[in-house]
N, C-alpha and C. Protein backbone atom coordinates (compact mmCIF):
# COMPACT_ATOMS: atom_id res chain seq x y z
N MET A 1 -4.76 -24.55 19.70
CA MET A 1 -5.10 -23.94 18.38
C MET A 1 -4.01 -24.26 17.57
N GLU A 2 -4.83 -24.61 16.60
CA GLU A 2 -3.84 -23.58 15.66
C GLU A 2 -3.74 -22.82 14.24
N PHE A 3 -2.98 -22.12 14.28
CA PHE A 3 -3.02 -20.70 14.19
C PHE A 3 -2.95 -21.17 12.38
N SER A 4 -3.30 -20.04 11.31
CA SER A 4 -3.04 -20.07 9.95
C SER A 4 -1.25 -20.43 9.72
N ARG A 5 -1.69 -21.22 8.51
CA ARG A 5 -0.09 -21.34 8.09
C ARG A 5 0.05 -19.63 7.33
N LEU A 6 -0.79 -19.07 6.87
CA LEU A 6 -0.17 -17.90 6.67
C LEU A 6 0.63 -17.29 7.16
N LEU A 7 0.36 -16.73 8.70
CA LEU A 7 1.48 -16.45 9.56
C LEU A 7 2.94 -16.58 9.40
N ASP A 8 2.95 -17.91 9.01
CA ASP A 8 4.75 -18.21 8.66
C ASP A 8 5.83 -17.39 8.25
N GLN A 9 4.48 -16.89 7.24
CA GLN A 9 5.46 -15.54 5.89
C GLN A 9 5.75 -14.53 6.12
N PHE A 10 5.53 -14.43 8.53
CA PHE A 10 6.21 -12.89 8.39
C PHE A 10 7.12 -13.45 9.35
N GLN A 11 8.12 -12.25 9.27
CA GLN A 11 8.77 -12.12 10.17
C GLN A 11 8.25 -10.96 11.47
N GLU A 12 9.64 -11.28 12.47
CA GLU A 12 8.97 -9.96 13.91
C GLU A 12 8.93 -8.59 12.90
N GLU A 13 8.17 -8.02 13.66
CA GLU A 13 7.30 -6.48 12.46
C GLU A 13 8.61 -5.52 13.26
N ILE A 14 8.75 -4.54 12.13
CA ILE A 14 10.07 -4.03 12.52
C ILE A 14 9.76 -3.18 13.81
N PHE A 15 8.57 -2.55 14.37
CA PHE A 15 8.11 -1.52 15.32
C PHE A 15 8.33 -2.32 16.53
N ALA A 16 7.90 -3.65 16.50
CA ALA A 16 8.15 -4.54 17.32
C ALA A 16 9.69 -4.58 17.88
N ALA A 17 10.47 -5.17 17.03
CA ALA A 17 12.01 -5.52 17.34
C ALA A 17 12.57 -3.68 18.20
N LEU A 18 12.10 -2.65 17.34
CA LEU A 18 12.53 -1.11 17.84
C LEU A 18 12.13 -1.02 19.17
N THR A 19 10.76 -1.36 19.63
CA THR A 19 10.42 -1.33 21.01
C THR A 19 11.10 -2.20 21.98
N LYS A 20 11.17 -3.68 21.15
CA LYS A 20 12.29 -4.28 22.64
C LYS A 20 13.44 -3.94 22.52
N LYS A 21 14.42 -3.36 21.33
CA LYS A 21 15.83 -2.44 21.46
C LYS A 21 15.61 -1.41 22.64
N SER A 22 14.15 -0.29 22.26
CA SER A 22 14.59 0.94 22.91
C SER A 22 14.07 0.46 24.92
N ILE A 23 13.25 -0.95 25.19
CA ILE A 23 13.28 -0.44 26.70
C ILE A 23 14.31 -1.73 26.91
N ALA A 24 15.14 -2.12 26.05
CA ALA A 24 16.40 -2.72 26.65
C ALA A 24 17.73 -1.54 26.96
N LEU A 25 17.49 -0.33 25.96
CA LEU A 25 18.28 0.40 26.23
C LEU A 25 17.65 1.68 27.31
N GLN A 26 16.74 1.59 27.69
CA GLN A 26 16.39 2.30 28.75
C GLN A 26 16.53 1.39 30.17
N LYS A 27 16.84 0.31 30.12
CA LYS A 27 17.22 -0.22 31.65
C LYS A 27 18.35 -0.38 31.72
N GLU A 28 19.15 0.28 30.90
CA GLU A 28 20.87 0.22 30.66
C GLU A 28 21.04 1.90 31.19
N GLY A 29 19.71 2.56 31.57
CA GLY A 29 19.92 4.10 31.84
C GLY A 29 19.96 5.13 30.54
N LYS A 30 19.82 4.54 29.39
CA LYS A 30 19.78 5.34 28.34
C LYS A 30 18.55 6.46 27.76
N THR A 31 18.70 7.48 27.45
CA THR A 31 17.90 8.04 27.14
C THR A 31 16.94 7.79 25.86
N ILE A 32 15.61 7.71 26.18
CA ILE A 32 15.05 7.01 24.54
C ILE A 32 14.38 8.16 24.11
N TYR A 33 14.52 8.83 22.90
CA TYR A 33 13.38 9.66 22.06
C TYR A 33 12.65 8.84 20.89
N ASN A 34 11.44 8.56 21.33
CA ASN A 34 10.74 7.46 20.55
C ASN A 34 9.78 8.48 19.75
N MET A 35 10.31 8.24 18.28
CA MET A 35 9.73 8.79 17.62
C MET A 35 9.67 8.42 16.27
N PHE A 36 9.50 7.08 16.31
CA PHE A 36 8.44 6.09 15.41
C PHE A 36 6.86 5.74 15.39
N VAL A 37 6.61 5.39 14.29
CA VAL A 37 5.18 5.38 14.17
C VAL A 37 4.01 6.15 14.41
N GLY A 38 5.05 7.42 14.51
CA GLY A 38 3.88 8.78 14.31
C GLY A 38 2.94 8.49 15.47
N THR A 39 2.98 7.92 16.67
CA THR A 39 2.40 7.95 17.66
C THR A 39 2.72 8.38 18.75
N PRO A 40 2.28 9.81 19.50
CA PRO A 40 2.78 10.06 20.53
C PRO A 40 2.97 9.92 21.25
N ASP A 41 4.04 9.99 22.39
CA ASP A 41 3.65 9.46 24.09
C ASP A 41 3.40 11.05 24.77
N PHE A 42 2.88 11.53 24.23
CA PHE A 42 2.58 13.17 25.15
C PHE A 42 1.26 13.01 24.82
N ALA A 43 0.23 14.42 26.01
CA ALA A 43 -0.81 14.02 25.65
C ALA A 43 -1.56 15.08 24.74
N PRO A 44 -2.23 15.09 24.06
CA PRO A 44 -2.62 16.41 22.71
C PRO A 44 -3.21 17.62 23.50
N ALA A 45 -2.82 18.78 22.91
CA ALA A 45 -3.50 19.74 23.60
C ALA A 45 -4.65 19.75 25.05
N GLU A 46 -4.31 21.19 25.79
CA GLU A 46 -6.31 20.76 26.11
C GLU A 46 -7.10 21.20 25.58
N HIS A 47 -6.71 22.07 24.33
CA HIS A 47 -7.84 22.18 23.87
C HIS A 47 -8.55 21.29 22.67
N ILE A 48 -7.58 20.42 22.68
CA ILE A 48 -7.99 19.30 21.53
C ILE A 48 -8.82 18.13 22.34
N ARG A 49 -8.03 18.27 23.60
CA ARG A 49 -9.23 17.29 24.29
C ARG A 49 -10.33 17.46 25.00
N ASN A 50 -10.26 18.69 25.43
CA ASN A 50 -12.26 19.65 25.32
C ASN A 50 -12.84 19.32 24.58
N ALA A 51 -12.47 19.49 23.30
CA ALA A 51 -13.44 19.00 22.00
C ALA A 51 -13.89 17.59 22.09
N LEU A 52 -12.64 16.98 22.27
CA LEU A 52 -13.41 15.41 22.36
C LEU A 52 -14.52 15.45 22.95
N VAL A 53 -14.05 15.97 24.50
CA VAL A 53 -15.15 15.55 25.58
C VAL A 53 -16.53 15.72 25.20
N GLU A 54 -16.33 17.21 24.65
CA GLU A 54 -17.67 18.24 24.19
C GLU A 54 -18.57 17.20 22.91
N ALA A 55 -17.57 16.29 22.12
CA ALA A 55 -18.24 15.80 21.19
C ALA A 55 -18.81 14.32 21.47
N ALA A 56 -18.22 13.89 22.41
CA ALA A 56 -18.65 12.19 22.60
C ALA A 56 -19.57 12.78 23.99
N LYS A 57 -19.92 14.17 24.39
CA LYS A 57 -21.91 14.48 24.64
C LYS A 57 -22.74 14.37 23.70
N ASP A 58 -22.65 14.79 22.60
CA ASP A 58 -23.30 14.97 21.54
C ASP A 58 -24.02 13.11 21.35
N PRO A 59 -25.47 13.09 21.39
CA PRO A 59 -25.72 11.94 21.30
C PRO A 59 -25.75 11.19 19.78
N GLU A 60 -25.38 12.57 18.72
CA GLU A 60 -25.65 12.05 17.13
C GLU A 60 -24.48 11.37 17.05
N ASN A 61 -23.34 11.71 17.71
CA ASN A 61 -22.01 10.87 17.76
C ASN A 61 -21.44 9.63 17.59
N TRP A 62 -22.89 9.22 18.38
CA TRP A 62 -22.89 7.73 18.80
C TRP A 62 -23.47 6.45 17.98
N LYS A 63 -23.66 7.08 16.44
CA LYS A 63 -24.22 6.48 16.11
C LYS A 63 -23.43 5.37 14.92
N TYR A 64 -23.53 4.08 15.10
CA TYR A 64 -22.42 3.24 14.25
C TYR A 64 -23.06 3.42 12.38
N SER A 65 -22.30 3.66 11.47
CA SER A 65 -22.38 4.02 10.17
C SER A 65 -22.06 2.82 9.38
N LEU A 66 -23.18 2.20 9.09
CA LEU A 66 -22.78 1.14 7.66
C LEU A 66 -21.93 0.98 6.65
N ARG A 67 -22.07 3.02 6.10
CA ARG A 67 -21.30 3.18 5.06
C ARG A 67 -21.04 4.93 5.02
N ASP A 68 -20.25 5.11 4.38
CA ASP A 68 -19.83 6.67 3.72
C ASP A 68 -21.27 7.50 3.82
N ILE A 69 -20.95 8.40 4.65
CA ILE A 69 -22.18 9.63 4.59
C ILE A 69 -22.67 10.23 3.44
N ASP A 70 -23.02 11.18 2.63
CA ASP A 70 -23.04 11.75 2.01
C ASP A 70 -22.16 13.26 1.80
N GLU A 71 -22.31 13.81 3.29
CA GLU A 71 -21.73 14.81 3.59
C GLU A 71 -19.97 14.59 3.34
N LEU A 72 -19.72 13.45 3.81
CA LEU A 72 -18.26 12.88 3.42
C LEU A 72 -17.97 12.99 2.36
N GLN A 73 -18.51 11.78 1.82
CA GLN A 73 -18.65 11.54 0.39
C GLN A 73 -18.14 13.16 -0.51
N GLU A 74 -19.13 14.31 -0.14
CA GLU A 74 -19.25 15.31 -0.89
C GLU A 74 -17.95 16.04 -0.05
N ALA A 75 -17.06 16.44 0.53
CA ALA A 75 -16.45 16.74 0.74
C ALA A 75 -15.32 16.21 0.33
N VAL A 76 -14.88 15.15 0.43
CA VAL A 76 -13.80 14.27 -0.24
C VAL A 76 -14.36 14.83 -1.64
N VAL A 77 -15.23 14.86 -2.63
CA VAL A 77 -14.67 15.28 -3.47
C VAL A 77 -14.60 16.82 -3.55
N ASN A 78 -14.82 17.55 -2.89
CA ASN A 78 -14.64 19.03 -3.22
C ASN A 78 -12.82 18.68 -2.90
N TYR A 79 -13.01 18.39 -1.77
CA TYR A 79 -11.15 18.56 -1.35
C TYR A 79 -10.35 18.37 -2.84
N TYR A 80 -10.99 16.99 -3.33
CA TYR A 80 -9.72 16.76 -4.49
C TYR A 80 -9.89 17.87 -5.71
N GLN A 81 -11.27 18.49 -5.84
CA GLN A 81 -11.47 19.36 -6.57
C GLN A 81 -10.30 20.50 -6.30
N LYS A 82 -10.62 21.16 -4.94
CA LYS A 82 -10.36 22.26 -4.93
C LYS A 82 -8.27 22.10 -4.62
N ARG A 83 -8.06 20.51 -4.49
CA ARG A 83 -6.74 20.88 -3.69
C ARG A 83 -5.91 20.16 -4.84
N PHE A 84 -5.94 19.18 -5.90
CA PHE A 84 -5.14 18.36 -6.82
C PHE A 84 -5.72 18.67 -7.95
N GLY A 85 -7.21 19.62 -8.18
CA GLY A 85 -7.53 19.85 -9.86
C GLY A 85 -8.24 18.10 -10.00
N VAL A 86 -8.20 17.38 -9.01
CA VAL A 86 -8.76 15.96 -10.20
C VAL A 86 -10.33 16.03 -9.48
N THR A 87 -11.38 15.46 -10.34
CA THR A 87 -12.56 15.21 -10.84
C THR A 87 -12.56 13.21 -10.03
N ILE A 88 -13.20 13.20 -9.11
CA ILE A 88 -13.63 12.00 -9.07
C ILE A 88 -15.11 11.86 -8.22
N THR A 89 -15.48 10.79 -8.28
CA THR A 89 -16.60 10.50 -7.66
C THR A 89 -17.12 10.10 -6.87
N LYS A 90 -18.22 9.73 -6.02
CA LYS A 90 -18.69 8.97 -4.97
C LYS A 90 -18.01 7.90 -4.61
N ASP A 91 -18.52 7.20 -6.18
CA ASP A 91 -18.06 5.48 -6.41
C ASP A 91 -16.73 5.73 -5.74
N MET A 92 -15.40 6.24 -5.75
CA MET A 92 -14.51 6.00 -5.98
C MET A 92 -13.56 6.55 -4.21
N ILE A 93 -14.93 6.53 -3.23
CA ILE A 93 -14.36 6.87 -1.92
C ILE A 93 -14.93 5.59 -1.50
N GLN A 94 -13.63 5.21 -0.41
CA GLN A 94 -13.98 4.51 0.61
C GLN A 94 -13.30 4.81 1.91
N SER A 95 -13.65 4.82 2.63
CA SER A 95 -12.90 5.72 4.11
C SER A 95 -13.03 4.29 4.80
N CYS A 96 -11.77 4.57 6.22
CA CYS A 96 -11.68 3.65 6.80
C CYS A 96 -11.46 4.16 7.79
N ASN A 97 -10.89 3.45 9.00
CA ASN A 97 -10.64 3.73 10.17
C ASN A 97 -9.46 3.57 10.65
N GLY A 98 -8.61 4.72 9.67
CA GLY A 98 -7.18 4.61 9.61
C GLY A 98 -6.50 4.60 8.99
N SER A 99 -5.33 4.87 8.01
CA SER A 99 -4.48 4.54 7.23
C SER A 99 -4.60 3.05 7.10
N GLN A 100 -3.91 2.59 8.11
CA GLN A 100 -3.16 1.07 8.26
C GLN A 100 -3.81 0.56 8.18
N GLU A 101 -5.20 0.79 8.97
CA GLU A 101 -6.37 -0.48 8.34
C GLU A 101 -6.85 -0.40 6.82
N GLY A 102 -6.64 0.80 6.12
CA GLY A 102 -6.65 0.85 5.06
C GLY A 102 -5.89 -0.05 4.23
N ILE A 103 -4.63 0.61 4.03
CA ILE A 103 -3.86 0.19 3.55
C ILE A 103 -3.45 -1.61 4.08
N GLY A 104 -3.85 -2.08 5.24
CA GLY A 104 -3.66 -3.42 5.15
C GLY A 104 -4.80 -4.33 4.77
N HIS A 105 -6.06 -3.63 4.22
CA HIS A 105 -7.06 -4.55 3.35
C HIS A 105 -7.36 -4.63 2.31
N ILE A 106 -6.95 -3.36 2.04
CA ILE A 106 -6.69 -2.68 -0.17
C ILE A 106 -6.51 -4.33 -0.58
N GLY A 107 -5.44 -4.73 -0.29
CA GLY A 107 -5.03 -6.22 -1.07
C GLY A 107 -6.10 -6.75 -1.52
N MET A 108 -6.88 -7.42 -0.45
CA MET A 108 -7.95 -8.32 -0.04
C MET A 108 -8.67 -7.69 -0.79
N ALA A 109 -9.40 -6.08 -1.57
CA ALA A 109 -10.14 -5.94 -2.39
C ALA A 109 -9.50 -5.88 -3.93
N LEU A 110 -8.74 -5.47 -3.80
CA LEU A 110 -7.90 -5.79 -5.26
C LEU A 110 -7.25 -6.65 -5.86
N ILE A 111 -6.38 -7.24 -4.97
CA ILE A 111 -5.90 -8.30 -5.68
C ILE A 111 -6.35 -9.68 -5.86
N ASN A 112 -5.48 -10.28 -6.59
CA ASN A 112 -5.69 -12.17 -6.36
C ASN A 112 -4.36 -12.98 -6.02
N PRO A 113 -3.91 -13.64 -5.36
CA PRO A 113 -3.39 -14.90 -5.04
C PRO A 113 -2.31 -14.35 -6.22
N GLY A 114 -1.07 -14.09 -5.69
CA GLY A 114 0.15 -13.75 -7.20
C GLY A 114 0.12 -12.64 -7.61
N ASP A 115 -1.00 -11.85 -7.64
CA ASP A 115 -0.30 -10.36 -8.41
C ASP A 115 0.53 -10.03 -7.42
N THR A 116 1.54 -9.10 -8.68
CA THR A 116 2.58 -8.20 -7.75
C THR A 116 1.53 -6.90 -7.86
N VAL A 117 2.72 -6.65 -6.52
CA VAL A 117 2.31 -4.97 -6.04
C VAL A 117 3.82 -4.22 -6.19
N LEU A 118 3.26 -2.84 -6.22
CA LEU A 118 4.79 -2.64 -5.72
C LEU A 118 5.02 -1.44 -5.03
N LEU A 119 5.59 -1.70 -3.88
CA LEU A 119 6.27 -0.89 -2.17
C LEU A 119 7.64 -0.30 -2.82
N PRO A 120 7.35 0.35 -1.78
CA PRO A 120 8.56 1.22 -1.36
C PRO A 120 9.35 0.72 -1.01
N THR A 121 10.92 0.58 -0.77
CA THR A 121 11.30 0.37 0.49
C THR A 121 12.68 1.13 0.64
N PRO A 122 12.67 2.22 2.18
CA PRO A 122 12.08 1.34 3.11
C PRO A 122 10.51 1.59 2.87
N CYS A 123 9.68 0.76 3.95
CA CYS A 123 8.59 0.75 3.99
C CYS A 123 7.87 0.82 5.98
N TYR A 124 6.74 0.82 5.59
CA TYR A 124 5.73 0.71 6.89
C TYR A 124 5.33 -0.92 6.47
N PRO A 125 5.30 -1.66 7.66
CA PRO A 125 5.46 -2.98 7.65
C PRO A 125 3.87 -3.18 7.48
N VAL A 126 2.71 -2.56 7.33
CA VAL A 126 1.68 -2.53 6.91
C VAL A 126 1.29 -2.94 5.45
N PHE A 127 2.10 -2.35 4.70
CA PHE A 127 2.50 -2.42 3.04
C PHE A 127 3.00 -3.74 2.81
N ILE A 128 3.76 -3.99 3.53
CA ILE A 128 4.33 -5.79 2.86
C ILE A 128 2.89 -7.17 3.57
N SER A 129 2.76 -6.90 4.59
CA SER A 129 1.76 -7.84 5.63
C SER A 129 0.39 -7.40 4.75
N GLY A 130 0.10 -6.56 3.70
CA GLY A 130 -1.46 -6.47 3.42
C GLY A 130 -1.27 -7.19 2.11
N THR A 131 -0.51 -6.61 2.14
CA THR A 131 -0.11 -6.84 0.27
C THR A 131 0.44 -9.09 0.52
N GLN A 132 0.98 -9.71 1.20
CA GLN A 132 1.10 -10.89 1.62
C GLN A 132 0.02 -11.77 2.22
N LEU A 133 -0.78 -11.05 2.78
CA LEU A 133 -2.23 -11.56 3.80
C LEU A 133 -3.22 -11.45 2.37
N ALA A 134 -3.17 -10.93 1.69
CA ALA A 134 -3.95 -11.39 0.38
C ALA A 134 -3.92 -12.18 -0.67
N GLY A 135 -2.21 -12.41 -0.63
CA GLY A 135 -1.48 -13.48 -1.30
C GLY A 135 -0.84 -12.82 -2.75
N GLY A 136 -0.59 -11.19 -2.59
CA GLY A 136 -0.02 -11.07 -3.26
C GLY A 136 1.84 -11.07 -3.09
N VAL A 137 2.79 -11.16 -3.97
CA VAL A 137 3.83 -10.75 -4.20
C VAL A 137 4.23 -9.23 -4.33
N PRO A 138 5.05 -9.14 -3.26
CA PRO A 138 5.79 -7.52 -2.86
C PRO A 138 6.98 -7.43 -4.20
N TYR A 139 7.05 -6.66 -4.90
CA TYR A 139 8.02 -5.99 -5.63
C TYR A 139 8.80 -4.45 -5.02
N TYR A 140 9.78 -4.27 -4.73
CA TYR A 140 10.19 -3.24 -4.05
C TYR A 140 11.24 -2.27 -5.15
N TYR A 141 10.51 -1.33 -4.92
CA TYR A 141 11.87 -0.59 -5.33
C TYR A 141 11.70 0.83 -4.85
N PRO A 142 12.97 1.09 -4.95
CA PRO A 142 13.84 2.02 -3.93
C PRO A 142 13.21 3.50 -3.73
N LEU A 143 13.50 3.82 -2.56
CA LEU A 143 13.13 5.55 -2.05
C LEU A 143 14.99 5.57 -1.19
N SER A 144 15.59 6.51 -1.96
CA SER A 144 17.01 6.77 -1.39
C SER A 144 16.97 8.69 -1.77
N ALA A 145 17.83 8.96 -1.28
CA ALA A 145 18.56 10.88 -0.87
C ALA A 145 18.94 10.80 -2.30
N GLU A 146 19.80 10.50 -3.04
CA GLU A 146 19.73 10.65 -4.42
C GLU A 146 18.35 10.93 -5.32
N THR A 147 17.11 10.52 -4.74
CA THR A 147 15.93 10.81 -5.46
C THR A 147 15.05 11.62 -4.86
N ASN A 148 15.66 12.28 -3.48
CA ASN A 148 14.96 12.94 -2.92
C ASN A 148 13.30 12.20 -2.23
N PHE A 149 14.38 10.69 -1.86
CA PHE A 149 13.45 10.06 -1.67
C PHE A 149 11.58 9.48 -1.99
N LEU A 150 12.32 10.17 -3.72
CA LEU A 150 10.66 9.97 -4.58
C LEU A 150 11.05 9.04 -5.04
N PRO A 151 9.87 8.33 -5.55
CA PRO A 151 9.85 7.26 -6.31
C PRO A 151 10.61 7.61 -7.86
N ASP A 152 11.08 6.74 -8.22
CA ASP A 152 12.38 6.78 -9.56
C ASP A 152 11.60 5.41 -9.90
N VAL A 153 10.30 5.36 -11.24
CA VAL A 153 9.71 4.70 -11.61
C VAL A 153 10.51 3.69 -12.44
N THR A 154 11.61 4.55 -13.24
CA THR A 154 12.37 4.17 -14.23
C THR A 154 13.60 3.10 -13.73
N THR A 155 13.51 2.79 -12.50
CA THR A 155 14.01 1.54 -12.13
C THR A 155 13.42 0.22 -11.91
N ILE A 156 11.98 0.68 -12.05
CA ILE A 156 11.00 -0.86 -12.05
C ILE A 156 11.03 -1.24 -13.42
N PRO A 157 11.46 -2.53 -13.57
CA PRO A 157 11.45 -3.08 -15.52
C PRO A 157 10.26 -3.05 -15.62
N ASP A 158 10.05 -2.82 -17.08
CA ASP A 158 9.16 -2.49 -17.55
C ASP A 158 7.88 -4.49 -18.02
N ASP A 159 8.37 -5.27 -17.34
CA ASP A 159 7.62 -6.36 -16.82
C ASP A 159 7.00 -6.32 -15.70
N VAL A 160 7.17 -6.27 -14.57
CA VAL A 160 6.99 -5.93 -13.67
C VAL A 160 5.73 -5.07 -13.49
N ALA A 161 6.30 -3.83 -14.08
CA ALA A 161 5.25 -2.89 -14.34
C ALA A 161 4.10 -3.24 -15.00
N ASP A 162 4.43 -4.15 -15.88
CA ASP A 162 2.93 -4.15 -16.60
C ASP A 162 1.96 -5.34 -15.86
N ARG A 163 3.00 -5.84 -15.13
CA ARG A 163 1.66 -7.03 -14.08
C ARG A 163 1.73 -6.53 -13.01
N ALA A 164 2.09 -5.40 -12.38
CA ALA A 164 1.65 -4.64 -11.44
C ALA A 164 0.49 -4.48 -11.16
N LYS A 165 -0.53 -4.95 -9.83
CA LYS A 165 -2.13 -4.35 -9.47
C LYS A 165 -1.72 -3.40 -9.12
N TYR A 166 -0.94 -2.75 -8.58
CA TYR A 166 -1.35 -1.31 -7.86
C TYR A 166 0.14 -1.18 -7.35
N MET A 167 0.18 0.01 -7.16
CA MET A 167 1.69 0.60 -6.52
C MET A 167 1.76 1.43 -5.54
N ILE A 168 2.42 1.35 -4.31
CA ILE A 168 1.48 2.41 -2.90
C ILE A 168 3.02 3.46 -3.27
N VAL A 169 2.52 4.34 -3.08
CA VAL A 169 3.27 5.15 -2.22
C VAL A 169 3.39 6.01 -1.62
N SER A 170 4.58 6.22 -1.34
CA SER A 170 5.21 7.01 0.61
C SER A 170 5.76 8.03 0.24
N LEU A 171 5.40 8.87 0.36
CA LEU A 171 6.66 10.11 0.08
C LEU A 171 7.06 10.71 1.89
N PRO A 172 8.40 11.36 1.79
CA PRO A 172 8.38 11.31 3.11
C PRO A 172 8.32 13.13 3.47
N SER A 173 6.64 13.20 3.20
CA SER A 173 6.13 14.39 3.72
C SER A 173 5.00 14.31 5.01
N ASN A 174 5.11 13.62 5.33
CA ASN A 174 4.29 13.02 7.01
C ASN A 174 4.68 14.28 7.80
N PRO A 175 4.11 15.15 8.53
CA PRO A 175 4.16 16.26 9.07
C PRO A 175 5.05 16.06 10.34
N SER A 176 5.24 14.55 10.65
CA SER A 176 6.02 14.05 12.17
C SER A 176 7.64 14.10 11.60
N VAL A 177 8.07 13.56 10.46
CA VAL A 177 9.12 14.03 9.54
C VAL A 177 9.15 15.23 9.55
N ARG A 178 8.42 16.11 9.17
CA ARG A 178 9.21 17.65 9.05
C ARG A 178 9.59 18.07 10.47
N TRP A 179 8.78 17.81 11.41
CA TRP A 179 8.80 18.16 13.37
C TRP A 179 9.91 17.65 12.81
N VAL A 180 10.00 16.26 12.79
CA VAL A 180 12.00 15.82 13.51
C VAL A 180 13.08 16.32 12.63
N ARG A 181 12.98 16.50 12.03
CA ARG A 181 13.49 17.04 10.90
C ARG A 181 14.10 18.88 11.58
N ARG A 182 13.08 19.54 11.56
CA ARG A 182 13.56 20.87 12.68
C ARG A 182 14.07 20.85 13.45
N LYS A 183 13.31 20.21 14.33
CA LYS A 183 13.51 19.85 16.17
C LYS A 183 14.58 19.14 16.04
N CYS A 184 15.24 18.40 15.24
CA CYS A 184 15.83 17.04 16.51
C CYS A 184 17.44 16.59 15.51
N MET A 185 17.08 17.39 14.43
CA MET A 185 18.44 17.13 13.29
C MET A 185 19.41 17.87 13.98
N ARG A 186 19.17 19.22 14.68
CA ARG A 186 20.47 19.94 15.60
C ARG A 186 20.44 19.32 16.20
N VAL A 187 20.53 18.24 16.71
CA VAL A 187 21.32 17.94 18.00
C VAL A 187 22.45 17.22 17.45
């Protein structure tokens, strides 16, 4: 089987490279604390596992949905209004099975080949691969300690900003990042 030439534009994914490095270090007898990707290497709390078991027993939870249900859309509309003071409508909502799924495919819905997409650097690999699979051209804007890892849009040239189709904003506010700082930065 011949694979798509689209795959030629990708290098080894960073998390795959980190996993290889981690395995090699473990074979050398080193202790590795895995804190990347946000995937835990420990079991969820017992009450969470129990809730999952109970939810799995309910036949209503086994239906396949081809669209977002009204209750979900209303909850999202209400959340944005309450949390951010932003009014959105149901037609502005599209759920997905995880953020990587959504980010990996959003370019296929929003951009045409050659369109510019503003991406932070550093960033998750799916930001890049989703853009490239849709034929987009990444333009990287820096996240740095000097700006508290917040985007500094003044560093983006006007001509790039004018032609950009969208911008992915990734902030260091992930709960796992806060946990790592609190628990591990003391080491």
